[in-house]
Amino acid sequence: MVRTVILTEFMLTIALLLQLIGLAFAVMIDTYLCKGQRKAMLIIVSLTFLLVAQNIAEYLMVFYTAEPFARTVTAIIGYSIRPIIIVMFFDIIEYKERKRWMWLLVGLNTLIHLTSFFSNICFTIDRNNAFIRGPLGFSCHMISGILLVYLFVISVKRFRHEKKLEECIPLLNFLLITAAVVTDSLIERQLFISFLTMAIVTSSLFYYIWLHLHLVREHEQSLMEAQRIQIMMTQIQPHFLYNTISTIKVLCRKDPDKAADIAAKFGIYLRQNLDSLGMTGKIPFQTELEHTKIYTDIEMVRFRNIKVEYDISDSDFSLPPLTIQPMVENAIRHGVRIRKEGIVRVVTRQSMGCHEIVIEDNGQGFDVKEAETDGSSHIGIRNVRERIKSMCGGSLTIDSHIGTGTTVTIRIPIE
C-alpha cells in the first residue's frame, strides 16, 4: 500500500515537471509575448521548478535523514519562493504596476524566516527533526494571501470590460491556491509534493493560457484597426479627387474666385480625411458636420442639380469620425445625382433616449438585402455600422425603396 502511494506521488511529480517543461517551451516560442512578459514567465517557471525540488528535498529529509539544519535551510527556501512567484505574476498581468511595496513584503517574509537559524519566533526544527511553528509561523501565508488578493483584483480590473469566459481564470486560480493551502493544513502526512505546489504549477499554466488569449485578441484588434484604416482610405474616392481637380481647373478660367474657394475647401476636406485615419476615439458631432458640409459644398458646385439641406436640432454629442460624410456621399453618388432635382437632407434630433441622425434622399434607391450581401460596393456602410456599434453602442439602419429614395438612420445612446 505504501509503495503504491509513493509510486503514485512519484508519477504525479513527473507529470508536474513535464507540465513545467512544456510551459517553458511554449513561452520561449510564443511570439505574442513581449520581452518583459516572457522574462517574467520564465522566472516563474524556474522558481516553480525550484519549489518542486524543495518539496522533494524536504520530503526526503523528513523520512530518510535527520538533518535539522539542512531541513531549516530547505524550509526557508520554500517559504521565501512562494510570495516571489505571486509578485512575478504582476509582471505578466500589469507589468507597469509599481511593485516596490510588494518586494518589501517579500523581503520582510524572507527576513522573518531567516530568524529560524537562531530563534523560534517563526519556526524551528528540533533535534528530533520535528517542525515546530512559532508565533510568526504563518507570515508566509498572510503575506502571500495579501498579494494573492491584490493579484486577483488587478486581474479583474484590467480585463473587466471584456466579458469573456476566460475572465473566470483569475478567480479559479485564487480559489485553487486557497483550497490548496487549506488542504495542506488539514493533512498531517508529509507529501512528496504539497497541494500548494501543485496549485502553483497549475495556476502558472492557467495564467499563461489566459495571457495568451488576451494577447491574441489584442493582436486581432490591431489587425482590425489596420483594416479599418484601409477601408477608410477607400472612402476617399479616387473619382471624386480627379473630378474635383478637373472642376477647379475649369473654374480657374471661368470664375477664379470660385476656383480659389473650392480649392481651399478641397484642401480642408483632404486634411480632415487624413486626420481621421489616425483617430481611435470619437469626435464632436460639429466636427463631423463641418467635414460633411465642406464635401457637399464641393459636390454642389460640380452638380448643379443636387441640393443638400440640414436640419440640426441636436448637436451636443460625439461619434466616430467619417460617419455622416460617407453616408451623404453614398446618397449623392448612388442616389440623387441622376435626378433632375436631387435632394439630400441631414436631420438630427433626440428620440427615445438616443441621438438620432437621419440622412434621407429622393434618389433611385436600392435593394437593402442585396446590399447587405454585396462584398464591395457597400463596404463603407458596413464599416460605419461596425464602428458605431463598437465605439458608441449605437446602430445604423437603412430603409430604401427603388425609385423612391433611401433613408439611413443612425442612433447613438445618450450618455
Protein backbone atom coordinates (compact mmCIF):
# COMPACT_ATOMS: atom_id res chain seq x y z
CA MET A 1 0.00 0.00 0.00
CA VAL A 2 2.77 2.42 0.97
CA ARG A 3 4.70 1.59 -2.21
CA THR A 4 1.59 2.26 -4.29
CA VAL A 5 1.12 5.68 -2.67
CA ILE A 6 4.79 6.56 -3.19
CA LEU A 7 4.67 5.41 -6.81
CA THR A 8 1.51 7.48 -7.40
CA GLU A 9 3.12 10.58 -5.89
CA PHE A 10 6.27 9.96 -7.94
CA MET A 11 4.28 9.77 -11.18
CA LEU A 12 2.39 12.91 -10.19
CA THR A 13 5.71 14.71 -9.67
CA ILE A 14 6.91 13.63 -13.11
CA ALA A 15 3.64 14.93 -14.61
CA LEU A 16 4.09 18.32 -12.90
CA LEU A 17 7.68 18.58 -14.15
CA LEU A 18 6.57 17.75 -17.69
CA GLN A 19 3.93 20.48 -17.46
CA LEU A 20 6.61 22.98 -16.44
CA ILE A 21 8.91 21.88 -19.27
CA GLY A 22 6.08 22.21 -21.78
CA LEU A 23 5.16 25.61 -20.36
CA ALA A 24 8.76 26.85 -20.62
CA PHE A 25 8.97 25.68 -24.24
CA ALA A 26 5.65 27.36 -25.12
CA VAL A 27 6.76 30.63 -23.51
CA MET A 28 10.06 30.67 -25.40
CA ILE A 29 8.40 30.26 -28.82
CA ASP A 30 5.34 32.45 -28.15
CA THR A 31 5.66 35.45 -30.48
CA TYR A 32 2.77 37.30 -28.81
CA LEU A 33 4.64 37.79 -25.53
CA CYS A 34 6.68 40.94 -25.10
CA LYS A 35 10.23 40.68 -23.74
CA GLY A 36 9.22 41.59 -20.19
CA GLN A 37 6.33 39.12 -20.07
CA ARG A 38 8.47 36.30 -21.48
CA LYS A 39 11.18 37.01 -18.91
CA ALA A 40 8.68 37.06 -16.05
CA MET A 41 7.05 33.83 -17.22
CA LEU A 42 10.40 32.02 -17.46
CA ILE A 43 11.34 33.24 -13.96
CA ILE A 44 8.03 31.86 -12.66
CA VAL A 45 8.72 28.50 -14.32
CA SER A 46 12.26 28.42 -12.89
CA LEU A 47 11.10 29.29 -9.37
CA THR A 48 8.35 26.68 -9.59
CA PHE A 49 10.95 24.08 -10.64
CA LEU A 50 12.95 25.08 -7.57
CA LEU A 51 9.83 24.82 -5.40
CA VAL A 52 9.16 21.28 -6.64
CA ALA A 53 12.77 20.36 -5.90
CA GLN A 54 12.42 21.92 -2.43
CA ASN A 55 9.29 19.84 -1.77
CA ILE A 56 11.10 16.64 -2.75
CA ALA A 57 14.17 17.51 -0.66
CA GLU A 58 12.03 18.29 2.40
CA TYR A 59 10.15 15.01 1.97
CA LEU A 60 13.42 13.07 1.93
CA MET A 61 14.70 14.94 4.98
CA VAL A 62 11.54 14.16 6.93
CA PHE A 63 11.53 10.41 6.30
CA TYR A 64 15.06 9.37 5.37
CA THR A 65 17.54 11.74 7.02
CA ALA A 66 17.71 13.65 10.30
CA GLU A 67 19.48 16.90 9.40
CA PRO A 68 17.69 19.74 11.26
CA PHE A 69 19.97 22.45 9.86
CA ALA A 70 19.56 21.27 6.24
CA ARG A 71 15.82 20.97 6.70
CA THR A 72 15.72 24.51 8.13
CA VAL A 73 17.53 25.84 5.04
CA THR A 74 15.17 23.93 2.75
CA ALA A 75 12.07 25.21 4.55
CA ILE A 76 13.31 28.83 4.40
CA ILE A 77 13.83 28.48 0.63
CA GLY A 78 10.31 27.12 0.16
CA TYR A 79 8.63 29.81 2.26
CA SER A 80 10.65 32.56 0.54
CA ILE A 81 9.92 31.44 -3.02
CA ARG A 82 6.12 31.38 -2.83
CA PRO A 83 5.49 35.15 -2.45
CA ILE A 84 8.11 35.87 -5.15
CA ILE A 85 6.16 33.75 -7.65
CA ILE A 86 2.98 35.72 -6.90
CA VAL A 87 4.79 39.05 -7.40
CA MET A 88 6.17 37.83 -10.73
CA PHE A 89 2.59 37.22 -11.89
CA PHE A 90 2.12 41.01 -11.72
CA ASP A 91 4.79 41.37 -14.42
CA ILE A 92 2.59 39.26 -16.67
CA ILE A 93 -0.75 40.89 -15.95
CA GLU A 94 0.22 44.50 -15.23
CA TYR A 95 3.92 44.89 -15.97
CA LYS A 96 3.76 48.68 -15.40
CA GLU A 97 2.41 48.25 -11.87
CA ARG A 98 4.70 49.68 -9.21
CA LYS A 99 5.77 46.72 -7.10
CA ARG A 100 8.09 48.32 -4.54
CA TRP A 101 5.70 47.64 -1.64
CA MET A 102 5.29 44.04 -2.84
CA TRP A 103 9.04 43.44 -2.81
CA LEU A 104 9.19 44.98 0.67
CA LEU A 105 6.66 42.34 1.79
CA VAL A 106 8.71 39.63 0.07
CA GLY A 107 11.88 40.86 1.81
CA LEU A 108 10.09 41.02 5.18
CA ASN A 109 8.83 37.46 4.68
CA THR A 110 12.37 36.22 3.96
CA LEU A 111 13.84 38.07 6.96
CA ILE A 112 11.20 36.60 9.29
CA HIS A 113 12.02 33.07 8.14
CA LEU A 114 15.77 33.65 8.36
CA THR A 115 15.31 34.11 12.11
CA SER A 116 14.76 30.35 12.26
CA PHE A 117 18.57 29.93 12.32
CA PHE A 118 18.76 31.48 15.78
CA SER A 119 15.21 31.88 17.10
CA ASN A 120 11.90 30.05 17.30
CA ILE A 121 9.82 33.16 16.59
CA CYS A 122 8.93 31.82 13.09
CA PHE A 123 9.63 28.09 13.18
CA THR A 124 12.28 25.68 14.35
CA ILE A 125 13.38 22.12 13.63
CA ASP A 126 14.18 20.37 16.90
CA ARG A 127 16.73 17.63 17.44
CA ASN A 128 14.11 15.01 16.72
CA ASN A 129 13.64 16.58 13.25
CA ALA A 130 10.14 17.81 14.16
CA PHE A 131 8.76 21.02 12.68
CA ILE A 132 7.54 23.47 15.35
CA ARG A 133 5.72 26.61 14.21
CA GLY A 134 6.31 29.82 16.17
CA PRO A 135 4.20 32.99 16.70
CA LEU A 136 5.12 34.28 13.21
CA GLY A 137 4.93 30.88 11.60
CA PHE A 138 2.07 31.91 9.30
CA SER A 139 3.76 35.06 7.98
CA CYS A 140 4.27 33.47 4.54
CA HIS A 141 0.59 32.54 4.38
CA MET A 142 -0.53 36.04 5.38
CA ILE A 143 1.81 37.90 3.01
CA SER A 144 1.04 35.53 0.14
CA GLY A 145 -2.67 35.95 0.88
CA ILE A 146 -2.39 39.76 0.65
CA LEU A 147 -0.51 39.53 -2.64
CA LEU A 148 -2.91 36.93 -4.00
CA VAL A 149 -6.00 39.03 -3.25
CA TYR A 150 -4.40 42.08 -4.88
CA LEU A 151 -3.37 39.97 -7.89
CA PHE A 152 -6.97 38.87 -8.30
CA VAL A 153 -8.23 42.48 -8.06
CA ILE A 154 -5.71 43.73 -10.65
CA SER A 155 -6.53 40.83 -12.99
CA VAL A 156 -10.25 41.59 -12.91
CA LYS A 157 -9.69 45.36 -13.10
CA ARG A 158 -7.53 45.19 -16.22
CA PHE A 159 -9.82 42.98 -18.26
CA ARG A 160 -13.23 43.58 -16.66
CA HIS A 161 -14.60 45.14 -19.87
CA GLU A 162 -14.05 42.02 -21.95
CA LYS A 163 -16.99 39.88 -20.76
CA LYS A 164 -15.28 36.67 -21.85
CA LEU A 165 -15.46 33.21 -20.30
CA GLU A 166 -11.71 33.12 -19.66
CA GLU A 167 -12.12 36.01 -17.19
CA CYS A 168 -13.01 33.29 -14.67
CA ILE A 169 -9.38 32.08 -14.69
CA PRO A 170 -8.06 34.61 -12.10
CA LEU A 171 -10.90 33.66 -9.75
CA LEU A 172 -10.27 29.98 -10.42
CA ASN A 173 -6.57 30.37 -9.60
CA PHE A 174 -7.39 32.29 -6.43
CA LEU A 175 -9.79 29.59 -5.25
CA LEU A 176 -7.38 26.82 -6.30
CA ILE A 177 -4.46 28.20 -4.28
CA THR A 178 -6.69 28.97 -1.28
CA ALA A 179 -8.10 25.44 -1.32
CA ALA A 180 -4.55 24.02 -1.58
CA VAL A 181 -3.39 25.96 1.49
CA VAL A 182 -6.39 24.73 3.49
CA THR A 183 -5.86 21.13 2.31
CA ASP A 184 -2.15 21.18 3.23
CA SER A 185 -3.02 22.41 6.73
CA LEU A 186 -5.58 19.62 7.23
CA ILE A 187 -3.39 16.73 6.06
CA GLU A 188 -0.91 15.57 8.66
CA ARG A 189 1.16 13.27 6.45
CA GLN A 190 4.08 14.88 4.57
CA LEU A 191 3.51 14.53 0.82
CA PHE A 192 6.06 14.21 -1.98
CA ILE A 193 4.67 17.43 -3.45
CA SER A 194 2.42 19.73 -1.41
CA PHE A 195 -1.01 20.64 -2.71
CA LEU A 196 0.09 24.29 -2.74
CA THR A 197 2.97 23.49 -5.10
CA MET A 198 0.60 21.57 -7.35
CA ALA A 199 -1.75 24.55 -7.32
CA ILE A 200 1.08 26.95 -8.21
CA VAL A 201 2.10 24.78 -11.18
CA THR A 202 -1.50 24.63 -12.41
CA SER A 203 -2.02 28.36 -11.84
CA SER A 204 1.13 29.16 -13.81
CA LEU A 205 -0.21 27.16 -16.72
CA PHE A 206 -3.68 28.74 -16.44
CA TYR A 207 -2.28 32.27 -16.22
CA TYR A 208 -0.17 31.68 -19.32
CA ILE A 209 -3.20 30.43 -21.27
CA TRP A 210 -5.21 33.40 -20.01
CA LEU A 211 -2.49 35.86 -21.00
CA HIS A 212 -2.02 34.23 -24.41
CA LEU A 213 -5.74 34.52 -25.19
CA HIS A 214 -5.70 38.23 -24.36
CA LEU A 215 -2.58 38.87 -26.41
CA VAL A 216 -4.05 37.05 -29.41
CA ARG A 217 -7.23 39.12 -29.08
CA GLU A 218 -5.23 42.35 -28.85
CA HIS A 219 -3.29 41.31 -31.95
CA GLU A 220 -6.53 40.63 -33.81
CA GLN A 221 -7.84 44.05 -32.75
CA SER A 222 -4.67 45.66 -34.10
CA LEU A 223 -5.21 43.89 -37.42
CA MET A 224 -8.83 45.01 -37.45
CA GLU A 225 -7.71 48.58 -36.76
CA ALA A 226 -5.28 48.40 -39.68
CA GLN A 227 -8.09 47.03 -41.83
CA ARG A 228 -10.36 49.84 -40.64
CA ILE A 229 -7.80 52.42 -41.77
CA GLN A 230 -7.50 50.67 -45.12
CA ILE A 231 -11.27 50.68 -45.53
CA MET A 232 -11.48 54.33 -44.55
CA MET A 233 -8.83 55.09 -47.15
CA THR A 234 -11.08 53.56 -49.80
CA GLN A 235 -13.77 56.03 -48.77
CA ILE A 236 -11.62 58.82 -50.21
CA GLN A 237 -13.00 58.06 -53.65
CA PRO A 238 -10.40 58.49 -56.44
CA HIS A 239 -13.03 59.64 -58.94
CA PHE A 240 -14.07 62.41 -56.51
CA LEU A 241 -10.46 63.61 -56.28
CA TYR A 242 -9.95 63.60 -60.04
CA ASN A 243 -13.30 65.24 -60.80
CA THR A 244 -12.79 67.94 -58.17
CA ILE A 245 -9.38 68.80 -59.59
CA SER A 246 -10.92 68.96 -63.07
CA THR A 247 -13.68 71.24 -61.74
CA ILE A 248 -11.11 73.57 -60.19
CA LYS A 249 -9.21 73.63 -63.47
CA VAL A 250 -12.34 74.68 -65.39
CA LEU A 251 -13.27 77.30 -62.78
CA CYS A 252 -9.79 78.81 -62.94
CA ARG A 253 -10.73 80.11 -66.41
CA LYS A 254 -14.37 80.97 -65.84
CA ASP A 255 -14.51 82.03 -62.16
CA PRO A 256 -11.08 82.32 -60.46
CA ASP A 257 -12.59 83.39 -57.13
CA LYS A 258 -14.84 80.34 -57.07
CA ALA A 259 -11.91 78.16 -58.07
CA ALA A 260 -9.88 79.50 -55.15
CA ASP A 261 -12.77 78.86 -52.75
CA ILE A 262 -13.26 75.28 -53.94
CA ALA A 263 -9.50 74.62 -53.86
CA ALA A 264 -9.36 75.83 -50.24
CA LYS A 265 -12.32 73.63 -49.26
CA PHE A 266 -10.82 70.69 -51.13
CA GLY A 267 -7.59 71.08 -49.16
CA ILE A 268 -9.52 71.16 -45.88
CA TYR A 269 -11.50 68.07 -46.96
CA LEU A 270 -8.33 66.09 -47.70
CA ARG A 271 -6.66 67.15 -44.47
CA GLN A 272 -9.69 66.22 -42.37
CA ASN A 273 -9.98 62.83 -44.08
CA LEU A 274 -6.32 62.06 -43.49
CA ASP A 275 -6.53 63.27 -39.88
CA SER A 276 -9.46 60.90 -39.33
CA LEU A 277 -7.29 57.89 -40.22
CA GLY A 278 -5.16 58.36 -37.11
CA MET A 279 -8.10 58.84 -34.73
CA THR A 280 -9.06 55.91 -32.50
CA GLY A 281 -11.70 57.71 -30.44
CA LYS A 282 -14.85 59.69 -31.07
CA ILE A 283 -15.06 63.28 -32.31
CA PRO A 284 -17.65 66.03 -31.65
CA PHE A 285 -20.66 65.97 -33.96
CA GLN A 286 -19.95 69.56 -35.03
CA THR A 287 -16.54 68.48 -36.37
CA GLU A 288 -18.09 65.71 -38.47
CA LEU A 289 -20.83 68.09 -39.63
CA GLU A 290 -18.26 70.65 -40.76
CA HIS A 291 -16.41 67.97 -42.73
CA THR A 292 -19.68 66.87 -44.35
CA LYS A 293 -20.62 70.43 -45.31
CA ILE A 294 -17.25 71.01 -46.96
CA TYR A 295 -17.74 67.85 -49.00
CA THR A 296 -21.30 68.78 -50.04
CA ASP A 297 -20.26 72.34 -50.95
CA ILE A 298 -17.77 70.88 -53.43
CA GLU A 299 -20.32 68.42 -54.84
CA MET A 300 -23.00 71.11 -55.27
CA VAL A 301 -20.56 73.08 -57.43
CA ARG A 302 -19.91 70.03 -59.57
CA PHE A 303 -23.58 69.01 -59.80
CA ARG A 304 -25.98 71.91 -60.09
CA ASN A 305 -28.98 69.59 -59.92
CA ILE A 306 -28.43 68.48 -56.32
CA LYS A 307 -29.17 70.25 -53.07
CA VAL A 308 -28.16 69.28 -49.53
CA GLU A 309 -30.29 70.56 -46.64
CA TYR A 310 -29.56 70.48 -42.93
CA ASP A 311 -31.99 70.45 -40.00
CA ILE A 312 -29.78 70.28 -36.90
CA SER A 313 -31.67 70.36 -33.60
CA ASP A 314 -29.31 68.08 -31.63
CA SER A 315 -25.54 68.55 -31.78
CA ASP A 316 -24.15 68.01 -28.28
CA PHE A 317 -22.73 64.51 -28.68
CA SER A 318 -19.78 62.62 -30.12
CA LEU A 319 -19.50 59.91 -32.77
CA PRO A 320 -16.82 58.05 -34.77
CA PRO A 321 -15.03 60.09 -37.44
CA LEU A 322 -16.21 59.67 -41.04
CA THR A 323 -19.69 58.60 -40.03
CA ILE A 324 -22.07 61.08 -41.69
CA GLN A 325 -19.94 62.17 -44.65
CA PRO A 326 -19.70 58.66 -46.24
CA MET A 327 -23.50 58.25 -45.92
CA VAL A 328 -24.10 61.61 -47.61
CA GLU A 329 -21.56 60.68 -50.28
CA ASN A 330 -23.44 57.42 -50.95
CA ALA A 331 -26.70 59.36 -51.23
CA ILE A 332 -25.18 61.68 -53.83
CA ARG A 333 -23.23 59.07 -55.81
CA HIS A 334 -25.79 56.27 -55.87
CA GLY A 335 -28.99 58.23 -55.41
CA VAL A 336 -29.74 61.83 -56.30
CA ARG A 337 -27.10 62.54 -58.93
CA ILE A 338 -29.36 61.21 -61.68
CA ARG A 339 -32.38 63.21 -60.54
CA LYS A 340 -33.33 66.49 -62.18
CA GLU A 341 -33.74 67.91 -58.70
CA GLY A 342 -31.89 65.69 -56.25
CA ILE A 343 -32.28 66.47 -52.56
CA VAL A 344 -30.34 65.08 -49.59
CA ARG A 345 -31.45 66.03 -46.07
CA VAL A 346 -29.42 65.62 -42.90
CA VAL A 347 -31.57 65.78 -39.77
CA THR A 348 -30.56 65.39 -36.12
CA ARG A 349 -32.80 65.11 -33.09
CA GLN A 350 -33.20 63.33 -29.79
CA SER A 351 -35.60 60.40 -29.82
CA MET A 352 -36.27 57.53 -27.40
CA GLY A 353 -33.11 58.09 -25.36
CA CYS A 354 -30.87 58.37 -28.42
CA HIS A 355 -29.18 60.97 -30.55
CA GLU A 356 -30.78 60.28 -33.93
CA ILE A 357 -29.14 61.22 -37.23
CA VAL A 358 -31.20 60.78 -40.38
CA ILE A 359 -29.74 61.03 -43.90
CA GLU A 360 -32.52 60.81 -46.46
CA ASP A 361 -32.61 61.34 -50.21
CA ASN A 362 -35.04 61.21 -53.11
CA GLY A 363 -32.69 59.13 -55.22
CA GLN A 364 -33.16 55.90 -57.11
CA GLY A 365 -32.99 53.64 -54.04
CA PHE A 366 -31.63 50.09 -53.89
CA ASP A 367 -32.34 46.59 -52.63
CA VAL A 368 -31.21 46.60 -48.98
CA LYS A 369 -30.98 42.80 -48.70
CA GLU A 370 -28.82 42.60 -51.78
CA ALA A 371 -26.60 45.40 -50.48
CA GLU A 372 -26.07 43.57 -47.18
CA THR A 373 -24.53 40.61 -49.03
CA ASP A 374 -22.57 42.75 -51.50
CA GLY A 375 -18.88 42.25 -50.90
CA SER A 376 -17.61 45.58 -52.20
CA SER A 377 -19.99 48.36 -53.20
CA HIS A 378 -21.44 48.88 -49.73
CA ILE A 379 -18.35 48.18 -47.65
CA GLY A 380 -18.47 51.79 -46.40
CA ILE A 381 -21.91 51.21 -44.85
CA ARG A 382 -20.73 48.10 -43.02
CA ASN A 383 -17.64 49.90 -41.78
CA VAL A 384 -19.68 52.81 -40.39
CA ARG A 385 -22.19 50.42 -38.79
CA GLU A 386 -19.45 48.39 -37.08
CA ARG A 387 -17.70 51.49 -35.73
CA ILE A 388 -20.95 52.97 -34.39
CA LYS A 389 -21.76 49.69 -32.65
CA SER A 390 -18.29 49.09 -31.15
CA MET A 391 -17.48 52.70 -30.19
CA CYS A 392 -20.90 54.06 -29.20
CA GLY A 393 -23.15 51.05 -28.65
CA GLY A 394 -25.35 52.50 -31.37
CA SER A 395 -26.95 51.26 -34.56
CA LEU A 396 -27.33 52.07 -38.25
CA THR A 397 -30.45 51.05 -40.17
CA ILE A 398 -31.37 51.53 -43.81
CA ASP A 399 -34.81 51.87 -45.37
CA SER A 400 -34.66 52.08 -49.17
CA HIS A 401 -37.23 51.72 -51.91
CA ILE A 402 -36.24 51.50 -55.57
CA GLY A 403 -37.42 54.55 -57.46
CA THR A 404 -38.35 56.47 -54.30
CA GLY A 405 -35.25 57.06 -52.20
CA THR A 406 -33.24 55.94 -49.20
CA THR A 407 -33.27 56.80 -45.50
CA VAL A 408 -30.27 55.99 -43.29
CA THR A 409 -30.91 56.28 -39.54
CA ILE A 410 -28.08 56.35 -37.03
CA ARG A 411 -28.93 56.05 -33.33
CA ILE A 412 -26.39 56.74 -30.62
CA PRO A 413 -27.49 56.21 -26.97
CA ILE A 414 -27.48 59.38 -24.88
CA GLU A 415 -24.71 59.13 -22.28
